[in-house]
């Protein structure tokens, strides 16, 4: 009767919690498998969270660089107009004013932050504004060249940050001695603005060609972001499928079959009632009944 009571109590506890295993000691191997599956599921949740973060950041980068691309198109139009020999010096200064406004807008975009308040284009120095105005000259890149990766699968990692020099690529310019030197993204604009304000045709025409190079650099980065977004979507599908399979497996070894459990409980209750009835009758017998 005690054994039947114990089994009935266990079945009732299973029904109350909807689980096959209440205590690990009841089924050690099954309990170990349940814990292992839950651990793997937790990792999948972590991967999904990382994928969401990466996707949000990539989308922010893409939207920002699309705005940069649009401004570069307008800058090219202004430069071509400024190269027209029929314009007067005062006309070019007006264009120089518009070019300055475009340059300032680009500077603001280069220092864009994400939803967490981190700068998009400063490498790993996410709290440092990537481009800072200098006292004597064009803005200076204050970020670093570090690329950080985040794990999004058992064997998969994806870059989560981008450097300013990757997004706002410098150009190569030959000096008066035909020696190549690197010229920063915003230096190109500052030289072009100076060319418009000073009606320097050669500087304006050089700036037009360099704007094309800047636009190509931004377009290349946008293509890379698009590729990374595709990878994120693909990996998200992998994580979702893995999670679904794991949950199905976990449910099969952890969740209770209520129909079977209820049938089992009813049988145990009948057995207990029969045992109690027998015990009551037996406990009333005395030695005289046995002899008789």
Protein backbone atom coordinates (compact mmCIF):
# COMPACT_ATOMS: atom_id res chain seq x y z
CA UNK A 1 0.00 0.00 0.00
CA UNK A 2 2.88 2.37 0.80
CA UNK A 3 4.48 1.64 -2.58
CA UNK A 4 1.24 2.33 -4.46
CA UNK A 5 0.76 5.58 -2.49
CA UNK A 6 4.28 6.72 -3.43
CA UNK A 7 3.73 6.03 -7.14
CA UNK A 8 0.37 7.81 -7.07
CA UNK A 9 1.96 10.87 -5.44
CA UNK A 10 4.65 10.94 -8.13
CA UNK A 11 2.07 10.70 -10.94
CA UNK A 12 0.03 13.52 -9.40
CA UNK A 13 3.15 15.69 -9.19
CA UNK A 14 3.88 14.98 -12.87
CA UNK A 15 0.35 16.04 -13.80
CA UNK A 16 0.62 19.20 -11.71
CA UNK A 17 3.86 20.29 -13.44
CA UNK A 18 3.26 18.73 -16.85
CA UNK A 19 6.73 17.14 -16.79
CA UNK A 20 7.89 13.55 -17.03
CA UNK A 21 10.81 14.05 -14.65
CA UNK A 22 10.23 15.90 -11.38
CA UNK A 23 13.47 15.02 -9.60
CA UNK A 24 16.73 14.20 -11.36
CA UNK A 25 17.07 11.13 -9.15
CA UNK A 26 13.88 9.69 -10.66
CA UNK A 27 15.53 9.29 -14.10
CA UNK A 28 19.19 10.44 -14.09
CA UNK A 29 19.89 9.77 -17.79
CA UNK A 30 16.72 11.48 -18.93
CA UNK A 31 17.36 14.44 -16.63
CA UNK A 32 20.90 14.79 -18.02
CA UNK A 33 19.59 14.83 -21.60
CA UNK A 34 17.03 17.49 -20.67
CA UNK A 35 19.72 19.74 -19.17
CA UNK A 36 21.99 19.25 -22.18
CA UNK A 37 19.21 20.23 -24.60
CA UNK A 38 18.29 23.27 -22.52
CA UNK A 39 21.93 24.38 -22.53
CA UNK A 40 22.07 24.13 -26.32
CA UNK A 41 18.79 26.05 -26.59
CA UNK A 42 20.21 28.83 -24.43
CA UNK A 43 23.15 29.13 -26.82
CA UNK A 44 20.74 29.36 -29.77
CA UNK A 45 18.91 32.18 -27.98
CA UNK A 46 22.24 33.95 -27.53
CA UNK A 47 23.04 33.52 -31.23
CA UNK A 48 19.62 34.90 -32.19
CA UNK A 49 20.14 37.93 -29.96
CA UNK A 50 23.54 38.56 -31.55
CA UNK A 51 22.05 38.23 -35.04
CA UNK A 52 19.37 40.79 -34.19
CA UNK A 53 22.04 43.20 -32.94
CA UNK A 54 24.21 42.73 -36.04
CA UNK A 55 21.25 43.15 -38.39
CA UNK A 56 20.13 46.35 -36.69
CA UNK A 57 23.63 47.79 -36.91
CA UNK A 58 24.08 46.79 -40.55
CA UNK A 59 20.75 48.35 -41.46
CA UNK A 60 21.82 51.57 -39.73
CA UNK A 61 25.11 51.55 -41.65
CA UNK A 62 23.32 50.90 -44.92
CA UNK A 63 20.81 53.73 -44.40
CA UNK A 64 23.60 56.13 -43.41
CA UNK A 65 25.79 55.28 -46.39
CA UNK A 66 22.83 55.59 -48.75
CA UNK A 67 22.44 59.17 -47.51
CA UNK A 68 26.18 59.68 -48.01
CA UNK A 69 25.89 58.37 -51.56
CA UNK A 70 23.03 60.75 -52.33
CA UNK A 71 25.05 63.72 -51.03
CA UNK A 72 28.05 62.67 -53.13
CA UNK A 73 25.84 62.65 -56.23
CA UNK A 74 24.76 66.20 -55.45
CA UNK A 75 28.36 67.22 -54.75
CA UNK A 76 29.33 65.90 -58.18
CA UNK A 77 26.58 67.96 -59.81
CA UNK A 78 27.72 71.12 -58.00
CA UNK A 79 31.36 70.47 -58.96
CA UNK A 80 30.55 69.92 -62.62
CA UNK A 81 28.54 73.12 -62.61
CA UNK A 82 31.45 74.92 -60.95
CA UNK A 83 33.85 73.71 -63.66
CA UNK A 84 31.83 75.57 -66.30
CA UNK A 85 34.11 78.28 -67.69
CA UNK A 86 31.17 80.65 -68.21
CA UNK A 87 30.66 81.08 -64.46
CA UNK A 88 31.99 84.12 -62.69
CA UNK A 89 34.03 84.01 -59.48
CA UNK A 90 31.02 85.10 -57.46
CA UNK A 91 28.91 82.30 -58.99
CA UNK A 92 31.50 79.75 -57.95
CA UNK A 93 31.53 81.13 -54.40
CA UNK A 94 27.79 80.49 -54.22
CA UNK A 95 28.47 76.91 -55.28
CA UNK A 96 31.25 76.78 -52.72
CA UNK A 97 28.73 77.68 -50.02
CA UNK A 98 26.47 74.79 -51.06
CA UNK A 99 29.47 72.45 -51.19
CA UNK A 100 30.36 73.49 -47.63
CA UNK A 101 26.84 72.60 -46.50
CA UNK A 102 27.13 69.20 -48.20
CA UNK A 103 30.47 68.62 -46.53
CA UNK A 104 29.01 69.45 -43.10
CA UNK A 105 26.12 67.06 -43.68
CA UNK A 106 28.58 64.32 -44.62
CA UNK A 107 30.56 65.03 -41.46
CA UNK A 108 27.40 64.57 -39.40
CA UNK A 109 26.61 61.27 -41.15
CA UNK A 110 30.16 60.02 -40.60
CA UNK A 111 29.61 60.51 -36.85
CA UNK A 112 26.26 58.69 -36.77
CA UNK A 113 25.40 56.64 -33.67
CA UNK A 114 23.39 53.44 -33.43
CA UNK A 115 20.36 52.85 -31.17
CA UNK A 116 22.70 52.09 -28.25
CA UNK A 117 24.55 55.37 -28.57
CA UNK A 118 27.66 53.79 -30.14
CA UNK A 119 29.36 55.35 -33.15
CA UNK A 120 28.92 53.29 -36.32
CA UNK A 121 32.23 54.06 -37.99
CA UNK A 122 34.88 54.29 -35.26
CA UNK A 123 36.16 50.71 -35.28
CA UNK A 124 36.23 49.27 -31.77
CA UNK A 125 36.33 52.73 -30.13
CA UNK A 126 32.55 52.96 -30.21
CA UNK A 127 32.33 55.80 -27.67
CA UNK A 128 34.78 57.99 -29.58
CA UNK A 129 33.50 60.19 -32.41
CA UNK A 130 35.30 58.83 -35.48
CA UNK A 131 35.90 62.18 -37.24
CA UNK A 132 36.89 65.28 -35.29
CA UNK A 133 37.51 68.75 -36.69
CA UNK A 134 41.13 69.83 -36.39
CA UNK A 135 42.33 73.35 -35.64
CA UNK A 136 44.36 73.67 -38.82
CA UNK A 137 43.05 71.44 -41.53
CA UNK A 138 40.47 68.79 -42.36
CA UNK A 139 38.85 66.44 -39.85
CA UNK A 140 41.03 63.74 -38.30
CA UNK A 141 39.98 60.12 -37.94
CA UNK A 142 40.06 59.32 -34.23
CA UNK A 143 38.75 55.73 -34.37
CA UNK A 144 40.90 52.64 -34.80
CA UNK A 145 41.27 49.90 -37.41
CA UNK A 146 40.01 47.05 -35.20
CA UNK A 147 37.24 44.84 -36.57
CA UNK A 148 35.30 42.87 -33.96
CA UNK A 149 33.45 39.63 -34.67
CA UNK A 150 30.45 38.22 -32.82
CA UNK A 151 29.61 34.51 -32.72
CA UNK A 152 26.25 33.73 -34.33
CA UNK A 153 26.55 29.95 -34.60
CA UNK A 154 28.59 26.98 -33.48
CA UNK A 155 31.08 27.58 -36.29
CA UNK A 156 30.05 31.04 -37.54
CA UNK A 157 31.11 34.60 -36.68
CA UNK A 158 30.12 37.91 -38.30
CA UNK A 159 31.83 41.36 -38.10
CA UNK A 160 29.85 43.74 -35.90
CA UNK A 161 31.66 47.02 -36.47
CA UNK A 162 33.19 49.06 -39.29
CA UNK A 163 36.10 51.47 -39.36
CA UNK A 164 35.76 55.02 -40.61
CA UNK A 165 38.48 54.57 -43.20
CA UNK A 166 36.62 51.56 -44.61
CA UNK A 167 33.38 53.51 -45.00
CA UNK A 168 34.91 56.89 -45.92
CA UNK A 169 37.79 55.72 -48.07
CA UNK A 170 40.72 58.12 -48.70
CA UNK A 171 41.92 58.77 -52.24
CA UNK A 172 45.38 58.64 -53.73
CA UNK A 173 46.66 61.90 -55.17
CA UNK A 174 49.90 62.66 -57.00
CA UNK A 175 51.79 65.74 -55.77
CA UNK A 176 53.84 68.15 -57.85
CA UNK A 177 56.70 65.64 -57.87
CA UNK A 178 54.42 62.80 -59.08
CA UNK A 179 54.61 61.10 -55.73
CA UNK A 180 51.40 59.44 -54.55
CA UNK A 181 50.01 60.34 -51.17
CA UNK A 182 46.80 59.55 -49.34
CA UNK A 183 44.19 62.27 -49.06
CA UNK A 184 41.36 61.93 -46.57
CA UNK A 185 37.69 61.85 -47.50
CA UNK A 186 36.98 65.30 -46.06
CA UNK A 187 40.24 66.75 -47.31
CA UNK A 188 38.91 66.15 -50.83
CA UNK A 189 35.87 68.28 -49.99
CA UNK A 190 37.87 71.02 -48.29
CA UNK A 191 40.22 71.30 -51.29
CA UNK A 192 37.25 71.35 -53.65
CA UNK A 193 35.53 74.05 -51.62
CA UNK A 194 38.75 76.10 -51.69
CA UNK A 195 38.91 75.58 -55.47
CA UNK A 196 35.34 76.86 -55.92
CA UNK A 197 35.87 79.84 -53.66
CA UNK A 198 39.13 80.71 -55.42
CA UNK A 199 37.88 79.90 -58.95
CA UNK A 200 40.74 77.43 -59.45
CA UNK A 201 39.69 75.37 -62.44
CA UNK A 202 42.36 72.68 -62.05
CA UNK A 203 41.45 72.07 -58.41
CA UNK A 204 37.76 71.85 -59.30
CA UNK A 205 38.37 69.37 -62.11
CA UNK A 206 40.64 67.28 -59.89
CA UNK A 207 37.95 67.30 -57.23
CA UNK A 208 35.37 66.00 -59.71
CA UNK A 209 37.51 62.94 -60.41
CA UNK A 210 38.19 62.38 -56.71
CA UNK A 211 34.46 62.56 -55.93
CA UNK A 212 33.97 59.64 -58.32
CA UNK A 213 36.55 57.68 -56.31
CA UNK A 214 34.79 58.53 -53.06
CA UNK A 215 31.46 57.40 -54.53
CA UNK A 216 32.98 54.11 -55.68
CA UNK A 217 34.34 53.50 -52.18
CA UNK A 218 30.94 54.07 -50.58
CA UNK A 219 29.24 51.84 -53.16
CA UNK A 220 31.69 49.04 -52.43
CA UNK A 221 30.98 49.25 -48.70
CA UNK A 222 27.23 49.20 -49.38
CA UNK A 223 27.71 46.02 -51.41
CA UNK A 224 29.61 44.46 -48.51
CA UNK A 225 26.84 45.43 -46.09
CA UNK A 226 24.26 43.87 -48.42
CA UNK A 227 26.25 40.64 -48.48
CA UNK A 228 26.51 40.64 -44.68
CA UNK A 229 22.76 41.20 -44.37
CA UNK A 230 22.16 38.15 -46.57
CA UNK A 231 24.47 36.12 -44.34
CA UNK A 232 22.56 37.31 -41.27
CA UNK A 233 19.23 36.28 -42.81
CA UNK A 234 20.59 32.86 -43.78
CA UNK A 235 22.11 32.27 -40.35
CA UNK A 236 18.87 33.40 -38.69
CA UNK A 237 17.03 30.69 -40.63
CA UNK A 238 19.60 28.12 -39.50
CA UNK A 239 19.25 29.15 -35.85
CA UNK A 240 15.44 29.12 -36.06
CA UNK A 241 15.40 25.63 -37.61
CA UNK A 242 17.88 24.35 -35.04
CA UNK A 243 15.84 25.84 -32.21
CA UNK A 244 12.63 24.26 -33.50
CA UNK A 245 14.25 20.81 -33.76
CA UNK A 246 15.74 21.10 -30.29
CA UNK A 247 12.42 22.16 -28.77
CA UNK A 248 10.67 19.25 -30.46
CA UNK A 249 13.25 16.80 -29.10
CA UNK A 250 13.13 18.38 -25.65
CA UNK A 251 9.34 18.21 -25.57
CA UNK A 252 9.40 14.50 -26.43
CA UNK A 253 11.58 13.64 -23.43
CA UNK A 254 10.42 16.30 -20.95
CA UNK A 255 6.73 17.05 -21.49
CA UNK A 256 4.11 14.75 -20.02
CA UNK A 257 1.58 12.74 -22.05
CA UNK A 258 -1.50 13.80 -20.10
CA UNK A 259 -3.79 11.09 -21.47
CA UNK A 260 -1.41 8.31 -20.48
CA UNK A 261 -0.66 9.92 -17.12
CA UNK A 262 -4.35 10.30 -16.25
CA UNK A 263 -5.01 6.66 -17.17
CA UNK A 264 -2.04 5.63 -15.07
CA UNK A 265 -3.24 7.72 -12.13
CA UNK A 266 -6.73 6.19 -12.27
CA UNK A 267 -5.22 2.70 -12.22
CA UNK A 268 -3.02 3.63 -9.28
CA UNK A 269 -6.00 5.08 -7.42
CA UNK A 270 -7.95 1.84 -7.94
CA UNK A 271 -4.95 -0.17 -6.75
CA UNK A 272 -4.62 2.06 -3.71
CA UNK A 273 -8.32 1.72 -2.87
CA UNK A 274 -8.07 -2.07 -3.20
CA UNK A 275 -4.97 -2.12 -1.00
CA UNK A 276 -6.61 0.06 1.62
CA UNK A 277 -9.74 -2.11 1.60
CA UNK A 278 -7.66 -5.27 2.01
CA UNK A 279 -5.61 -3.71 4.76
CA UNK A 280 -8.76 -2.68 6.64
CA UNK A 281 -10.13 -6.22 6.55
CA UNK A 282 -6.82 -7.83 7.46
CA UNK A 283 -6.23 -5.44 10.35
CA UNK A 284 -9.58 -6.50 11.93
CA UNK A 285 -8.67 -10.21 12.04
CA UNK A 286 -7.43 -11.74 15.30
CA UNK A 287 -5.77 -15.04 16.19
CA UNK A 288 -9.18 -16.67 16.82
CA UNK A 289 -10.21 -15.93 13.22
CA UNK A 290 -7.04 -17.55 11.92
CA UNK A 291 -7.57 -20.72 14.07
CA UNK A 292 -11.21 -20.82 13.13
